[in-house]
Amino acid sequence: MTMIRNDQARQTLLCGPASIAALPAELHQLDVTRVVLVSSPHASTSRGFQAVRQALEGFDIVYEFTAVRPHAPIVDTEALAAEVAGLDAGAFVAYGGGSVSDTAKAVSILLAEGAPLGGHCSTFTPPDQLFQPQLRRPKLPVVSVPTTLSGAEVTPGGGATDSAGIKRVFWDSKVASRVLIFDPLALQDVPPDIVLTSGMNGLAHCAEALYSRSASPVTDALALEGARRFAAALPTYAEGDRTDDLASELLLAAYFGGIVISNARVGLHHAVCHVLGALLGVPHGVANTVMLPYVLQFNADETEAKQQLLGLALAAGLGIEPGRPASLLVRDIQLACNLPTTLQEAGVRYEELDRVAEAVMQDRGLYFNPKVVTDASVVRALLENAYTGTLLAVAA
């Protein structure tokens, strides 16, 4: 088991087989004896979840919620916060994918700051006005055991879907997981397509952060290393490798993706994916899988140098000679993993594209995108390409 403690970020990473067994010691380190256990319907039936419950013997599970839905609906999160209030919990233990992690973080915010959750989310006014509320009160810590490769558990932010089908984003460094337990056991009962598509989400984090308006030399290095690791590991997993070593490698790649977007924010790609999920119900990993090469192509003329670096990292991971555009190398990964490459394959109806384009204009990701997105017609053209599968061999 590998242990990494980042005292500056107050975050501990445990990675490797049997990492879940370290959960009691980490909770004692936080001086916690009473926990809220959060999971999803599928994740809570897994062997990994049972290992977590076993590790929690001797602790008081004051509330157990295993009904987290995709895209973390705000109505569910606010109801859970009301149930948990007054139970004197000391921490949240989140076992599951990104929606589980986001739910635990959002409830921690609600217990400290009060409802409604929407009042604590950022607001974006096109094309370049972003307001992020400052959330200053102490928060209950979150301990996470991820079952996907999204990296959501690493970040201080999260998404929550409102009643109108709009994904809102909150941000508070105090709710980033204090302990991250990356145990290969947690991936064993996850359908392979979810592992792969959530890995494409992690790869998208690295790609977007690399050319984000808030990128830095440090985030560049993290992004490139994460991209290389994903490019190497995802096709190998798709070929049938289910070893603990490969699972640990995938989880570490996800960690790189999570760390990098904690410091360099995502842009247009995630703006589109947020809307596809919240408005149309497209799984977040599937949306990321489909959209990434098209958004790379869209941003290519403004990000040529950064995409050349990304192409080198992807080629190194794939073990091939460099020289092809990053967008086409991502397409290679899609095909090697037998994943969808168009919005049509993802179940999106053509007549929904206009509505998606309009909603994307309200997402804060546009603020961090390197190319300014001025109106919905620009997004609509991007969606048309993603629907028809039009990917040009542009130089980048």
Protein backbone atom coordinates (compact mmCIF):
# COMPACT_ATOMS: atom_id res chain seq x y z
CA MET A 1 0.00 0.00 0.00
CA THR A 2 1.26 3.46 -0.94
CA MET A 3 0.57 6.32 1.48
CA ILE A 4 0.90 9.97 0.52
CA ARG A 5 0.18 12.70 3.04
CA ASN A 6 -0.18 16.26 1.75
CA ASP A 7 -0.26 18.27 4.95
CA GLN A 8 -0.61 21.59 3.13
CA ALA A 9 -3.80 20.35 1.47
CA ARG A 10 -4.75 18.33 4.58
CA GLN A 11 -5.24 15.29 2.38
CA THR A 12 -4.05 11.71 2.76
CA LEU A 13 -3.97 9.25 -0.15
CA LEU A 14 -3.85 5.50 0.45
CA CYS A 15 -3.49 3.42 -2.72
CA GLY A 16 -3.14 -0.32 -3.21
CA PRO A 17 -4.66 -3.65 -2.17
CA ALA A 18 -6.26 -3.75 1.31
CA SER A 19 -6.21 0.05 1.64
CA ILE A 20 -9.77 -0.09 2.96
CA ALA A 21 -8.43 -1.83 6.06
CA ALA A 22 -6.66 1.42 6.99
CA LEU A 23 -10.00 3.27 7.28
CA PRO A 24 -10.33 2.89 11.08
CA ALA A 25 -6.84 4.29 11.73
CA GLU A 26 -7.51 7.27 9.47
CA LEU A 27 -10.82 8.04 11.19
CA HIS A 28 -9.11 7.86 14.58
CA GLN A 29 -6.48 10.25 13.20
CA LEU A 30 -9.34 12.67 12.55
CA ASP A 31 -10.72 11.98 16.05
CA VAL A 32 -13.96 10.66 14.54
CA THR A 33 -16.16 7.95 16.08
CA ARG A 34 -19.55 8.75 14.51
CA VAL A 35 -20.01 8.68 10.73
CA VAL A 36 -22.58 9.10 8.00
CA LEU A 37 -22.16 6.43 5.31
CA VAL A 38 -23.13 7.51 1.78
CA SER A 39 -23.31 5.33 -1.31
CA SER A 40 -25.39 4.50 -4.39
CA PRO A 41 -27.74 1.56 -5.06
CA HIS A 42 -25.22 -0.39 -7.16
CA ALA A 43 -22.09 0.48 -5.20
CA SER A 44 -23.70 -0.50 -1.90
CA THR A 45 -24.16 -4.10 -3.09
CA SER A 46 -20.46 -4.60 -3.86
CA ARG A 47 -17.71 -6.47 -2.05
CA GLY A 48 -15.86 -3.22 -1.54
CA PHE A 49 -18.82 -1.69 0.29
CA GLN A 50 -19.01 -4.72 2.57
CA ALA A 51 -15.31 -4.29 3.29
CA VAL A 52 -15.99 -0.67 4.26
CA ARG A 53 -18.83 -1.70 6.56
CA GLN A 54 -16.56 -4.29 8.15
CA ALA A 55 -13.86 -1.68 8.64
CA LEU A 56 -16.42 0.57 10.35
CA GLU A 57 -17.24 -2.00 13.04
CA GLY A 58 -16.66 -0.24 16.33
CA PHE A 59 -17.76 3.10 14.88
CA ASP A 60 -21.27 4.51 15.17
CA ILE A 61 -22.89 4.73 11.73
CA VAL A 62 -25.43 7.37 12.72
CA TYR A 63 -27.04 7.43 9.26
CA GLU A 64 -26.68 5.30 6.14
CA PHE A 65 -27.85 6.61 2.77
CA THR A 66 -27.39 4.31 -0.22
CA ALA A 67 -29.78 5.92 -2.70
CA VAL A 68 -27.57 8.57 -4.35
CA ARG A 69 -28.81 9.16 -7.89
CA PRO A 70 -26.73 10.14 -10.94
CA HIS A 71 -25.85 13.84 -11.22
CA ALA A 72 -26.61 14.40 -7.50
CA PRO A 73 -30.06 16.06 -7.59
CA ILE A 74 -30.22 18.99 -5.19
CA VAL A 75 -33.61 17.87 -3.86
CA ASP A 76 -32.02 14.63 -2.63
CA THR A 77 -29.01 16.37 -1.13
CA GLU A 78 -31.09 18.89 0.80
CA ALA A 79 -33.35 16.11 2.10
CA LEU A 80 -30.33 14.13 3.27
CA ALA A 81 -28.88 17.18 5.02
CA ALA A 82 -32.16 17.61 6.90
CA GLU A 83 -32.03 13.96 8.03
CA VAL A 84 -28.42 14.18 9.18
CA ALA A 85 -28.69 17.52 11.00
CA GLY A 86 -28.57 17.03 14.76
CA LEU A 87 -27.08 13.53 14.67
CA ASP A 88 -23.68 14.74 15.87
CA ALA A 89 -21.79 13.05 13.06
CA GLY A 90 -18.04 13.54 12.92
CA ALA A 91 -17.42 12.72 9.25
CA PHE A 92 -18.88 11.42 6.02
CA VAL A 93 -17.64 8.17 4.50
CA ALA A 94 -18.45 8.19 0.77
CA TYR A 95 -18.26 4.93 -1.17
CA GLY A 96 -19.04 5.25 -4.87
CA GLY A 97 -18.54 7.40 -7.94
CA GLY A 98 -18.56 11.12 -8.53
CA SER A 99 -22.21 11.66 -7.61
CA VAL A 100 -21.67 9.99 -4.22
CA SER A 101 -18.63 12.13 -3.52
CA ASP A 102 -20.43 15.30 -4.65
CA THR A 103 -23.42 14.46 -2.45
CA ALA A 104 -21.27 14.02 0.65
CA LYS A 105 -19.45 17.30 -0.03
CA ALA A 106 -22.71 19.16 -0.65
CA VAL A 107 -24.30 17.87 2.57
CA SER A 108 -21.21 18.96 4.50
CA ILE A 109 -21.67 22.46 3.04
CA LEU A 110 -25.40 22.51 3.84
CA LEU A 111 -24.86 21.47 7.47
CA ALA A 112 -22.42 24.35 7.92
CA GLU A 113 -23.82 27.07 5.69
CA GLY A 114 -27.56 26.25 5.61
CA ALA A 115 -29.98 25.72 2.74
CA PRO A 116 -30.57 26.25 -0.12
CA LEU A 117 -27.60 24.66 -1.83
CA GLY A 118 -28.09 26.81 -4.92
CA GLY A 119 -27.16 29.86 -2.89
CA HIS A 120 -23.68 28.42 -2.39
CA CYS A 121 -23.06 27.64 -6.07
CA SER A 122 -21.21 29.76 -8.58
CA THR A 123 -23.03 31.87 -11.16
CA PHE A 124 -21.77 32.67 -14.64
CA THR A 125 -22.89 35.49 -16.93
CA PRO A 126 -21.70 35.09 -20.53
CA PRO A 127 -19.19 35.66 -21.80
CA ASP A 128 -16.79 36.38 -18.92
CA GLN A 129 -18.43 37.16 -15.57
CA LEU A 130 -18.04 34.55 -12.81
CA PHE A 131 -19.14 34.85 -9.18
CA GLN A 132 -18.09 32.23 -6.63
CA PRO A 133 -19.58 32.56 -3.09
CA GLN A 134 -17.05 32.40 -0.26
CA LEU A 135 -17.97 29.60 2.15
CA ARG A 136 -16.04 30.31 5.33
CA ARG A 137 -17.57 28.09 8.03
CA PRO A 138 -15.85 24.88 9.21
CA LYS A 139 -17.06 21.68 7.50
CA LEU A 140 -17.35 18.05 8.54
CA PRO A 141 -14.58 16.06 6.85
CA VAL A 142 -15.24 13.65 4.00
CA VAL A 143 -13.44 10.30 3.65
CA SER A 144 -13.82 8.77 0.19
CA VAL A 145 -13.45 5.32 -1.35
CA PRO A 146 -13.98 5.90 -5.09
CA THR A 147 -15.40 3.24 -7.39
CA THR A 148 -14.79 5.18 -10.62
CA LEU A 149 -11.94 7.15 -12.18
CA SER A 150 -13.53 10.60 -12.26
CA GLY A 151 -11.29 12.05 -9.54
CA ALA A 152 -14.28 13.91 -8.08
CA GLU A 153 -13.35 12.83 -4.57
CA VAL A 154 -10.01 14.68 -4.84
CA THR A 155 -11.39 18.11 -5.66
CA PRO A 156 -12.82 20.90 -3.48
CA GLY A 157 -15.73 21.29 -5.90
CA GLY A 158 -18.77 19.38 -6.94
CA GLY A 159 -21.84 19.40 -9.11
CA ALA A 160 -25.49 19.30 -8.15
CA THR A 161 -28.51 19.26 -10.47
CA ASP A 162 -31.41 21.62 -9.79
CA SER A 163 -35.09 21.08 -10.54
CA ALA A 164 -34.76 22.73 -13.95
CA GLY A 165 -32.12 20.22 -15.05
CA ILE A 166 -29.20 22.63 -14.70
CA LYS A 167 -25.98 21.42 -13.13
CA ARG A 168 -24.77 23.88 -10.51
CA VAL A 169 -21.18 23.93 -9.23
CA PHE A 170 -19.99 24.62 -5.67
CA TRP A 171 -16.41 25.08 -4.46
CA ASP A 172 -14.97 24.93 -0.95
CA SER A 173 -11.48 23.69 -0.11
CA LYS A 174 -12.72 22.43 3.25
CA VAL A 175 -14.85 19.67 1.67
CA ALA A 176 -12.11 18.11 -0.46
CA SER A 177 -11.73 14.59 0.92
CA ARG A 178 -9.42 14.50 3.92
CA VAL A 179 -8.68 10.83 3.24
CA LEU A 180 -8.70 9.11 -0.16
CA ILE A 181 -8.69 5.32 -0.16
CA PHE A 182 -7.88 3.98 -3.63
CA ASP A 183 -8.36 0.25 -3.15
CA PRO A 184 -8.46 -1.97 -6.29
CA LEU A 185 -11.24 -3.96 -4.61
CA ALA A 186 -13.54 -0.98 -5.17
CA LEU A 187 -13.26 -1.42 -8.96
CA GLN A 188 -13.87 -5.17 -9.05
CA ASP A 189 -17.68 -5.10 -9.09
CA VAL A 190 -17.98 -2.02 -11.31
CA PRO A 191 -19.13 -2.72 -14.90
CA PRO A 192 -16.10 -2.36 -17.21
CA ASP A 193 -17.80 0.23 -19.40
CA ILE A 194 -18.24 2.49 -16.38
CA VAL A 195 -14.59 2.10 -15.41
CA LEU A 196 -13.57 2.97 -18.98
CA THR A 197 -15.90 5.93 -19.49
CA SER A 198 -15.08 7.39 -16.08
CA GLY A 199 -11.43 7.03 -17.09
CA MET A 200 -12.16 9.09 -20.19
CA ASN A 201 -13.61 11.69 -17.82
CA GLY A 202 -10.33 11.64 -15.90
CA LEU A 203 -8.40 12.01 -19.16
CA ALA A 204 -10.62 14.97 -20.08
CA HIS A 205 -9.71 16.61 -16.76
CA CYS A 206 -6.05 16.41 -17.73
CA ALA A 207 -6.66 17.72 -21.26
CA GLU A 208 -8.82 20.67 -20.23
CA ALA A 209 -6.62 21.66 -17.30
CA LEU A 210 -3.58 21.70 -19.59
CA TYR A 211 -4.95 24.61 -21.62
CA SER A 212 -7.26 26.15 -19.04
CA ARG A 213 -7.12 29.90 -18.55
CA SER A 214 -6.04 29.11 -14.97
CA ALA A 215 -3.26 26.66 -15.93
CA SER A 216 0.28 26.95 -14.56
CA PRO A 217 3.57 25.12 -15.09
CA VAL A 218 2.76 22.91 -12.09
CA THR A 219 -0.68 21.94 -13.39
CA ASP A 220 0.81 21.37 -16.85
CA ALA A 221 3.17 18.76 -15.42
CA LEU A 222 0.38 17.03 -13.50
CA ALA A 223 -1.93 17.06 -16.51
CA LEU A 224 0.62 15.54 -18.84
CA GLU A 225 1.55 12.79 -16.40
CA GLY A 226 -2.11 11.95 -15.80
CA ALA A 227 -2.82 11.86 -19.54
CA ARG A 228 0.13 9.56 -20.17
CA ARG A 229 -1.00 7.16 -17.44
CA PHE A 230 -4.58 7.06 -18.72
CA ALA A 231 -3.45 6.46 -22.31
CA ALA A 232 -1.30 3.55 -21.17
CA ALA A 233 -3.78 1.92 -18.79
CA LEU A 234 -7.23 2.31 -20.35
CA PRO A 235 -6.64 0.17 -23.48
CA THR A 236 -4.92 -2.47 -21.34
CA TYR A 237 -7.94 -2.60 -19.04
CA ALA A 238 -10.23 -2.83 -22.09
CA GLU A 239 -8.24 -5.84 -23.27
CA GLY A 240 -9.20 -7.67 -20.07
CA ASP A 241 -6.45 -6.91 -17.56
CA ARG A 242 -8.12 -6.80 -14.11
CA THR A 243 -5.03 -7.09 -11.94
CA ASP A 244 -4.61 -5.06 -8.77
CA ASP A 245 -1.53 -3.43 -10.29
CA LEU A 246 -3.45 -2.07 -13.28
CA ALA A 247 -6.42 -1.00 -11.12
CA SER A 248 -4.03 0.88 -8.83
CA GLU A 249 -2.45 2.54 -11.88
CA LEU A 250 -5.87 3.67 -13.11
CA LEU A 251 -6.77 5.02 -9.69
CA LEU A 252 -3.50 6.95 -9.50
CA ALA A 253 -4.19 8.41 -12.95
CA ALA A 254 -7.57 9.53 -11.61
CA TYR A 255 -5.80 11.16 -8.68
CA PHE A 256 -3.62 13.17 -11.07
CA GLY A 257 -6.75 14.28 -12.92
CA GLY A 258 -8.46 15.30 -9.68
CA ILE A 259 -5.45 17.21 -8.36
CA VAL A 260 -4.94 19.07 -11.61
CA ILE A 261 -8.53 20.35 -11.85
CA SER A 262 -8.37 21.40 -8.23
CA ASN A 263 -5.83 23.98 -9.42
CA ALA A 264 -6.67 24.59 -13.10
CA ARG A 265 -10.38 24.63 -13.86
CA VAL A 266 -12.20 22.81 -16.64
CA GLY A 267 -13.67 24.61 -19.66
CA LEU A 268 -16.06 24.14 -22.58
CA HIS A 269 -15.77 20.37 -22.64
CA HIS A 270 -17.13 19.95 -19.12
CA ALA A 271 -19.68 22.70 -19.68
CA VAL A 272 -21.19 20.59 -22.46
CA CYS A 273 -20.94 17.38 -20.42
CA HIS A 274 -22.66 18.98 -17.43
CA VAL A 275 -25.64 19.89 -19.60
CA LEU A 276 -25.80 16.53 -21.39
CA GLY A 277 -26.03 14.86 -18.01
CA ALA A 278 -28.27 17.19 -16.05
CA LEU A 279 -30.66 18.01 -18.91
CA LEU A 280 -30.75 14.76 -20.88
CA GLY A 281 -29.54 12.16 -18.40
CA VAL A 282 -26.46 11.10 -20.35
CA PRO A 283 -24.03 9.44 -17.91
CA HIS A 284 -21.19 11.82 -17.16
CA GLY A 285 -18.50 9.38 -18.23
CA VAL A 286 -20.25 8.70 -21.53
CA ALA A 287 -20.63 12.42 -22.24
CA ASN A 288 -16.92 12.94 -21.54
CA THR A 289 -15.98 9.97 -23.70
CA VAL A 290 -17.85 11.30 -26.72
CA MET A 291 -17.12 15.02 -26.48
CA LEU A 292 -13.39 15.15 -25.75
CA PRO A 293 -11.91 14.86 -29.28
CA TYR A 294 -14.41 17.36 -30.70
CA VAL A 295 -13.65 19.99 -28.06
CA LEU A 296 -9.92 19.44 -28.54
CA GLN A 297 -10.49 20.09 -32.23
CA PHE A 298 -12.56 23.20 -31.44
CA ASN A 299 -9.84 24.68 -29.21
CA ALA A 300 -6.90 23.57 -31.39
CA ASP A 301 -6.15 26.91 -33.03
CA GLU A 302 -5.91 28.69 -29.65
CA THR A 303 -3.96 25.92 -27.88
CA GLU A 304 -1.55 24.56 -30.47
CA ALA A 305 1.51 24.36 -28.21
CA LYS A 306 -0.36 22.76 -25.32
CA GLN A 307 -2.06 20.22 -27.58
CA GLN A 308 1.30 19.27 -29.05
CA LEU A 309 2.45 18.46 -25.51
CA LEU A 310 -0.74 16.51 -24.90
CA GLY A 311 -0.18 14.58 -28.12
CA LEU A 312 3.34 13.64 -26.99
CA ALA A 313 2.02 12.40 -23.63
CA LEU A 314 -0.77 10.36 -25.23
CA ALA A 315 1.58 8.84 -27.80
CA ALA A 316 4.03 7.90 -25.05
CA GLY A 317 1.25 6.22 -23.08
CA LEU A 318 0.02 4.36 -26.14
CA GLY A 319 3.56 3.33 -27.04
CA ILE A 320 3.47 4.79 -30.55
CA GLU A 321 5.48 7.35 -32.48
CA PRO A 322 4.41 10.97 -31.83
CA GLY A 323 3.12 13.31 -34.50
CA ARG A 324 -0.64 12.84 -34.70
CA PRO A 325 -3.05 15.47 -33.30
CA ALA A 326 -4.23 14.96 -29.72
CA SER A 327 -7.86 14.82 -30.90
CA LEU A 328 -7.12 11.84 -33.15
CA LEU A 329 -5.12 10.09 -30.44
CA VAL A 330 -8.13 10.39 -28.15
CA ARG A 331 -10.20 8.86 -30.94
CA ASP A 332 -7.68 5.98 -31.02
CA ILE A 333 -8.26 5.42 -27.29
CA GLN A 334 -12.04 5.48 -27.78
CA LEU A 335 -11.81 2.84 -30.49
CA ALA A 336 -9.29 0.70 -28.59
CA CYS A 337 -11.71 0.65 -25.65
CA ASN A 338 -14.80 0.05 -27.84
CA LEU A 339 -16.49 3.19 -26.52
CA PRO A 340 -19.06 5.48 -28.19
CA THR A 341 -17.68 8.21 -30.44
CA THR A 342 -20.81 10.26 -31.28
CA LEU A 343 -23.70 11.85 -29.43
CA GLN A 344 -26.04 9.72 -31.51
CA GLU A 345 -24.42 6.57 -30.09
CA ALA A 346 -24.83 8.09 -26.62
CA GLY A 347 -28.60 8.26 -27.13
CA VAL A 348 -28.92 12.01 -27.73
CA ARG A 349 -31.70 12.98 -30.14
CA TYR A 350 -30.82 15.47 -32.86
CA GLU A 351 -33.71 17.77 -31.97
CA GLU A 352 -32.21 18.27 -28.47
CA LEU A 353 -29.02 19.92 -29.74
CA ASP A 354 -30.44 23.46 -29.78
CA ARG A 355 -31.64 23.16 -26.20
CA VAL A 356 -28.29 21.79 -25.07
CA ALA A 357 -26.40 24.60 -26.80
CA GLU A 358 -28.51 27.27 -25.09
CA ALA A 359 -28.04 25.69 -21.65
CA VAL A 360 -24.26 25.39 -22.08
CA MET A 361 -24.05 29.19 -22.24
CA GLN A 362 -24.89 29.34 -18.52
CA ASP A 363 -22.11 26.98 -17.38
CA ARG A 364 -19.11 28.46 -15.61
CA GLY A 365 -16.75 26.25 -17.62
CA LEU A 366 -16.94 28.81 -20.43
CA TYR A 367 -15.13 31.28 -18.19
CA PHE A 368 -12.01 29.09 -18.12
CA ASN A 369 -12.03 27.97 -21.76
CA PRO A 370 -9.07 29.31 -23.79
CA LYS A 371 -11.30 30.28 -26.72
CA VAL A 372 -14.09 32.72 -25.89
CA VAL A 373 -17.53 31.28 -26.61
CA THR A 374 -19.72 34.20 -27.58
CA ASP A 375 -23.11 32.64 -28.32
CA ALA A 376 -25.02 29.38 -28.51
CA SER A 377 -24.54 29.04 -32.27
CA VAL A 378 -20.85 28.29 -31.68
CA VAL A 379 -21.76 25.50 -29.25
CA ARG A 380 -24.44 24.25 -31.64
CA ALA A 381 -21.85 23.79 -34.39
CA LEU A 382 -19.64 21.84 -31.99
CA LEU A 383 -22.56 19.60 -31.04
CA GLU A 384 -23.35 19.01 -34.72
CA ASN A 385 -19.84 17.68 -35.23
CA ALA A 386 -20.15 15.46 -32.19
CA TYR A 387 -23.51 14.15 -33.38
CA THR A 388 -22.34 13.31 -36.91
CA GLY A 389 -18.84 12.19 -35.91
CA THR A 390 -17.06 14.90 -37.90
CA LEU A 391 -13.47 14.94 -36.65
CA LEU A 392 -10.89 16.60 -38.88
CA ALA A 393 -7.21 15.71 -39.01
CA VAL A 394 -6.24 19.19 -37.85
CA ALA A 395 -2.65 19.91 -36.95
CA ALA A 396 -2.21 20.47 -33.24
